N, C-alpha and C. Protein backbone atom coordinates (compact mmCIF):
# COMPACT_ATOMS: atom_id res chain seq x y z
N MET A 1 0.84 -1.18 0.00
CA MET A 1 0.00 0.00 0.00
C MET A 1 0.89 1.25 0.00
N LEU A 2 0.44 2.25 -0.72
CA LEU A 2 1.18 3.49 -0.85
C LEU A 2 0.20 4.64 -0.77
N GLN A 3 0.47 5.59 0.11
CA GLN A 3 -0.36 6.79 0.21
C GLN A 3 0.15 7.81 -0.81
N VAL A 4 -0.76 8.34 -1.62
CA VAL A 4 -0.39 9.29 -2.67
C VAL A 4 -1.17 10.58 -2.48
N ARG A 5 -0.47 11.70 -2.68
CA ARG A 5 -1.12 13.03 -2.66
C ARG A 5 -0.55 13.81 -3.84
N VAL A 6 -1.43 14.21 -4.75
CA VAL A 6 -1.05 14.94 -5.96
C VAL A 6 -1.81 16.25 -5.96
N VAL A 7 -1.10 17.37 -6.21
CA VAL A 7 -1.76 18.67 -6.29
C VAL A 7 -1.44 19.27 -7.65
N ILE A 8 -2.49 19.51 -8.43
CA ILE A 8 -2.34 20.20 -9.71
C ILE A 8 -3.19 21.45 -9.61
N VAL A 9 -4.48 21.35 -9.75
CA VAL A 9 -5.43 22.39 -9.37
C VAL A 9 -6.11 21.91 -8.09
N ASN A 10 -6.58 20.67 -8.13
CA ASN A 10 -7.21 20.04 -6.98
C ASN A 10 -6.19 19.25 -6.18
N VAL A 11 -6.55 18.96 -4.93
CA VAL A 11 -5.77 18.03 -4.12
C VAL A 11 -6.39 16.66 -4.35
N MET A 12 -5.59 15.74 -4.87
CA MET A 12 -6.05 14.38 -5.12
C MET A 12 -5.24 13.45 -4.23
N SER A 13 -5.92 12.55 -3.53
CA SER A 13 -5.20 11.64 -2.65
C SER A 13 -5.88 10.28 -2.64
N GLY A 14 -5.12 9.28 -2.24
CA GLY A 14 -5.67 7.94 -2.16
C GLY A 14 -4.63 6.93 -1.73
N THR A 15 -5.08 5.73 -1.48
CA THR A 15 -4.22 4.61 -1.13
C THR A 15 -4.15 3.69 -2.33
N LEU A 16 -2.95 3.50 -2.85
CA LEU A 16 -2.74 2.70 -4.05
C LEU A 16 -2.04 1.40 -3.68
N GLU A 17 -2.27 0.38 -4.48
CA GLU A 17 -1.59 -0.90 -4.31
C GLU A 17 -0.56 -1.04 -5.42
N TYR A 18 0.61 -1.58 -5.06
CA TYR A 18 1.67 -1.80 -6.04
C TYR A 18 1.83 -3.29 -6.29
N GLY A 19 1.87 -3.67 -7.55
CA GLY A 19 2.11 -5.07 -7.90
C GLY A 19 2.46 -5.19 -9.37
N HIS A 20 3.48 -5.98 -9.67
CA HIS A 20 3.88 -6.26 -11.06
C HIS A 20 4.16 -4.98 -11.85
N GLY A 21 4.79 -3.98 -11.20
CA GLY A 21 5.16 -2.75 -11.88
C GLY A 21 4.02 -1.78 -12.11
N THR A 22 2.91 -1.97 -11.38
CA THR A 22 1.73 -1.13 -11.58
C THR A 22 1.19 -0.60 -10.26
N LEU A 23 0.81 0.67 -10.23
CA LEU A 23 0.10 1.27 -9.09
C LEU A 23 -1.37 1.38 -9.46
N THR A 24 -2.23 0.86 -8.59
CA THR A 24 -3.66 0.83 -8.88
C THR A 24 -4.46 1.27 -7.67
N GLY A 25 -5.48 2.09 -7.91
CA GLY A 25 -6.39 2.49 -6.85
C GLY A 25 -7.06 3.81 -7.18
N PRO A 26 -8.10 4.14 -6.42
CA PRO A 26 -8.83 5.38 -6.67
C PRO A 26 -8.16 6.59 -6.01
N LEU A 27 -8.29 7.74 -6.66
CA LEU A 27 -7.89 9.01 -6.07
C LEU A 27 -9.14 9.81 -5.79
N VAL A 28 -9.23 10.38 -4.60
CA VAL A 28 -10.33 11.26 -4.23
C VAL A 28 -9.84 12.68 -4.46
N SER A 29 -10.69 13.52 -5.03
CA SER A 29 -10.28 14.87 -5.42
C SER A 29 -11.20 15.92 -4.85
N THR A 30 -10.60 17.09 -4.52
CA THR A 30 -11.44 18.25 -4.24
C THR A 30 -12.10 18.63 -5.56
N MET A 31 -13.10 19.45 -5.53
CA MET A 31 -13.89 19.69 -6.74
C MET A 31 -13.74 21.11 -7.29
N ILE A 32 -12.52 21.61 -7.32
CA ILE A 32 -12.26 22.92 -7.90
C ILE A 32 -12.18 22.75 -9.42
N ALA A 33 -12.88 23.60 -10.14
CA ALA A 33 -12.87 23.50 -11.60
C ALA A 33 -11.53 23.95 -12.15
N GLY A 34 -10.91 23.09 -12.94
CA GLY A 34 -9.67 23.44 -13.61
C GLY A 34 -9.97 23.82 -15.05
N GLU A 35 -8.96 24.31 -15.73
CA GLU A 35 -9.15 24.71 -17.12
C GLU A 35 -8.14 24.03 -18.02
N GLY A 36 -8.58 23.70 -19.21
CA GLY A 36 -7.70 23.24 -20.27
C GLY A 36 -6.76 22.11 -19.89
N LEU A 37 -5.47 22.34 -20.12
CA LEU A 37 -4.45 21.33 -19.94
C LEU A 37 -4.39 20.81 -18.50
N LEU A 38 -4.53 21.70 -17.51
CA LEU A 38 -4.46 21.26 -16.12
C LEU A 38 -5.57 20.27 -15.79
N GLU A 39 -6.77 20.53 -16.28
CA GLU A 39 -7.88 19.60 -16.06
C GLU A 39 -7.63 18.27 -16.76
N GLU A 40 -7.07 18.32 -17.96
CA GLU A 40 -6.76 17.09 -18.69
C GLU A 40 -5.71 16.26 -17.95
N ILE A 41 -4.72 16.92 -17.36
CA ILE A 41 -3.69 16.21 -16.61
C ILE A 41 -4.30 15.54 -15.39
N GLU A 42 -5.16 16.25 -14.67
CA GLU A 42 -5.82 15.66 -13.50
C GLU A 42 -6.66 14.45 -13.90
N GLU A 43 -7.42 14.58 -14.97
CA GLU A 43 -8.25 13.46 -15.43
C GLU A 43 -7.38 12.26 -15.82
N ALA A 44 -6.22 12.52 -16.42
CA ALA A 44 -5.32 11.43 -16.81
C ALA A 44 -4.75 10.72 -15.58
N PHE A 45 -4.43 11.47 -14.52
CA PHE A 45 -3.94 10.86 -13.28
C PHE A 45 -5.02 9.97 -12.67
N VAL A 46 -6.22 10.50 -12.52
CA VAL A 46 -7.31 9.74 -11.89
C VAL A 46 -7.61 8.48 -12.70
N ALA A 47 -7.80 8.63 -14.00
CA ALA A 47 -8.12 7.48 -14.85
C ALA A 47 -6.96 6.48 -14.89
N GLY A 48 -5.74 6.99 -14.92
CA GLY A 48 -4.57 6.12 -14.98
C GLY A 48 -4.42 5.25 -13.75
N PHE A 49 -4.58 5.84 -12.57
CA PHE A 49 -4.45 5.04 -11.35
C PHE A 49 -5.62 4.09 -11.17
N GLU A 50 -6.81 4.48 -11.60
CA GLU A 50 -7.95 3.56 -11.51
C GLU A 50 -7.74 2.35 -12.43
N ALA A 51 -7.18 2.57 -13.61
CA ALA A 51 -6.95 1.48 -14.57
C ALA A 51 -5.68 0.69 -14.25
N GLY A 52 -4.75 1.32 -13.56
CA GLY A 52 -3.45 0.71 -13.26
C GLY A 52 -2.35 1.45 -13.99
N MET A 53 -1.60 2.26 -13.26
CA MET A 53 -0.54 3.09 -13.83
C MET A 53 0.77 2.30 -13.79
N ASN A 54 1.39 2.12 -14.96
CA ASN A 54 2.70 1.47 -15.01
C ASN A 54 3.74 2.39 -14.40
N VAL A 55 4.66 1.82 -13.63
CA VAL A 55 5.68 2.60 -12.94
C VAL A 55 7.05 2.06 -13.31
N LEU A 56 7.96 2.96 -13.68
CA LEU A 56 9.33 2.59 -13.99
C LEU A 56 10.25 3.58 -13.29
N MET A 57 11.24 3.06 -12.56
CA MET A 57 12.23 3.91 -11.89
C MET A 57 13.57 3.69 -12.58
N GLU A 58 14.19 4.78 -13.01
CA GLU A 58 15.52 4.74 -13.62
C GLU A 58 16.34 5.86 -13.04
N GLU A 59 17.33 5.51 -12.22
CA GLU A 59 18.19 6.48 -11.55
C GLU A 59 17.33 7.53 -10.85
N ALA A 60 17.41 8.80 -11.26
CA ALA A 60 16.67 9.87 -10.58
C ALA A 60 15.33 10.16 -11.26
N THR A 61 14.88 9.26 -12.14
CA THR A 61 13.64 9.48 -12.89
C THR A 61 12.60 8.42 -12.54
N MET A 62 11.37 8.88 -12.31
CA MET A 62 10.24 7.98 -12.11
C MET A 62 9.25 8.27 -13.24
N ILE A 63 8.82 7.22 -13.93
CA ILE A 63 7.94 7.36 -15.08
C ILE A 63 6.64 6.62 -14.80
N PHE A 64 5.51 7.34 -14.92
CA PHE A 64 4.18 6.76 -14.81
C PHE A 64 3.59 6.75 -16.21
N SER A 65 2.99 5.63 -16.63
CA SER A 65 2.33 5.61 -17.93
C SER A 65 1.10 4.72 -17.89
N GLN A 66 0.11 5.13 -18.67
CA GLN A 66 -1.12 4.35 -18.81
C GLN A 66 -1.84 4.86 -20.04
N GLY A 67 -2.23 3.95 -20.91
CA GLY A 67 -2.89 4.37 -22.14
C GLY A 67 -1.95 5.26 -22.94
N GLY A 68 -2.44 6.39 -23.39
CA GLY A 68 -1.63 7.32 -24.16
C GLY A 68 -0.94 8.39 -23.34
N ASN A 69 -0.96 8.25 -22.01
CA ASN A 69 -0.39 9.28 -21.13
C ASN A 69 0.88 8.78 -20.45
N THR A 70 1.90 9.63 -20.44
CA THR A 70 3.15 9.33 -19.76
C THR A 70 3.58 10.56 -18.97
N PHE A 71 3.93 10.33 -17.70
CA PHE A 71 4.37 11.40 -16.80
C PHE A 71 5.78 11.10 -16.33
N PHE A 72 6.69 12.08 -16.47
CA PHE A 72 8.08 11.93 -16.04
C PHE A 72 8.31 12.81 -14.82
N PHE A 73 8.91 12.24 -13.79
CA PHE A 73 9.28 12.99 -12.60
C PHE A 73 10.78 12.79 -12.40
N VAL A 74 11.52 13.91 -12.31
CA VAL A 74 12.97 13.85 -12.16
C VAL A 74 13.35 14.51 -10.85
N ALA A 75 14.10 13.78 -10.01
CA ALA A 75 14.55 14.33 -8.74
C ALA A 75 15.55 15.44 -9.00
N GLN A 76 15.42 16.52 -8.25
CA GLN A 76 16.36 17.62 -8.37
C GLN A 76 17.59 17.31 -7.53
N THR A 77 18.73 17.72 -8.02
CA THR A 77 19.94 17.54 -7.23
C THR A 77 19.97 18.58 -6.13
N ASP A 78 20.58 18.23 -5.03
CA ASP A 78 20.69 19.14 -3.89
C ASP A 78 21.89 20.04 -4.11
N SER A 79 21.66 21.31 -4.39
CA SER A 79 22.76 22.24 -4.69
C SER A 79 23.62 22.53 -3.47
N ALA A 80 23.15 22.17 -2.26
CA ALA A 80 23.91 22.43 -1.04
C ALA A 80 25.03 21.41 -0.85
N GLN A 81 25.04 20.33 -1.63
CA GLN A 81 26.06 19.29 -1.45
C GLN A 81 27.31 19.61 -2.22
């Protein structure tokens, strides 16, 4: 089980299950109306996790993909080091 909290326009959160390279579960969202691309991104996150989001970790990059949507997250280096 993994607790997830995503903020784009709305705060979306939920408990996801990980298995076979996939995160699956519902996200609950606040109901603030988003516009255009931001709303599409939120819808892709919710639908992706409900269907099962593929997860790949490569060095400092985490990639989520499902259907025609792919999200890349890259860890920032700590400039204080």
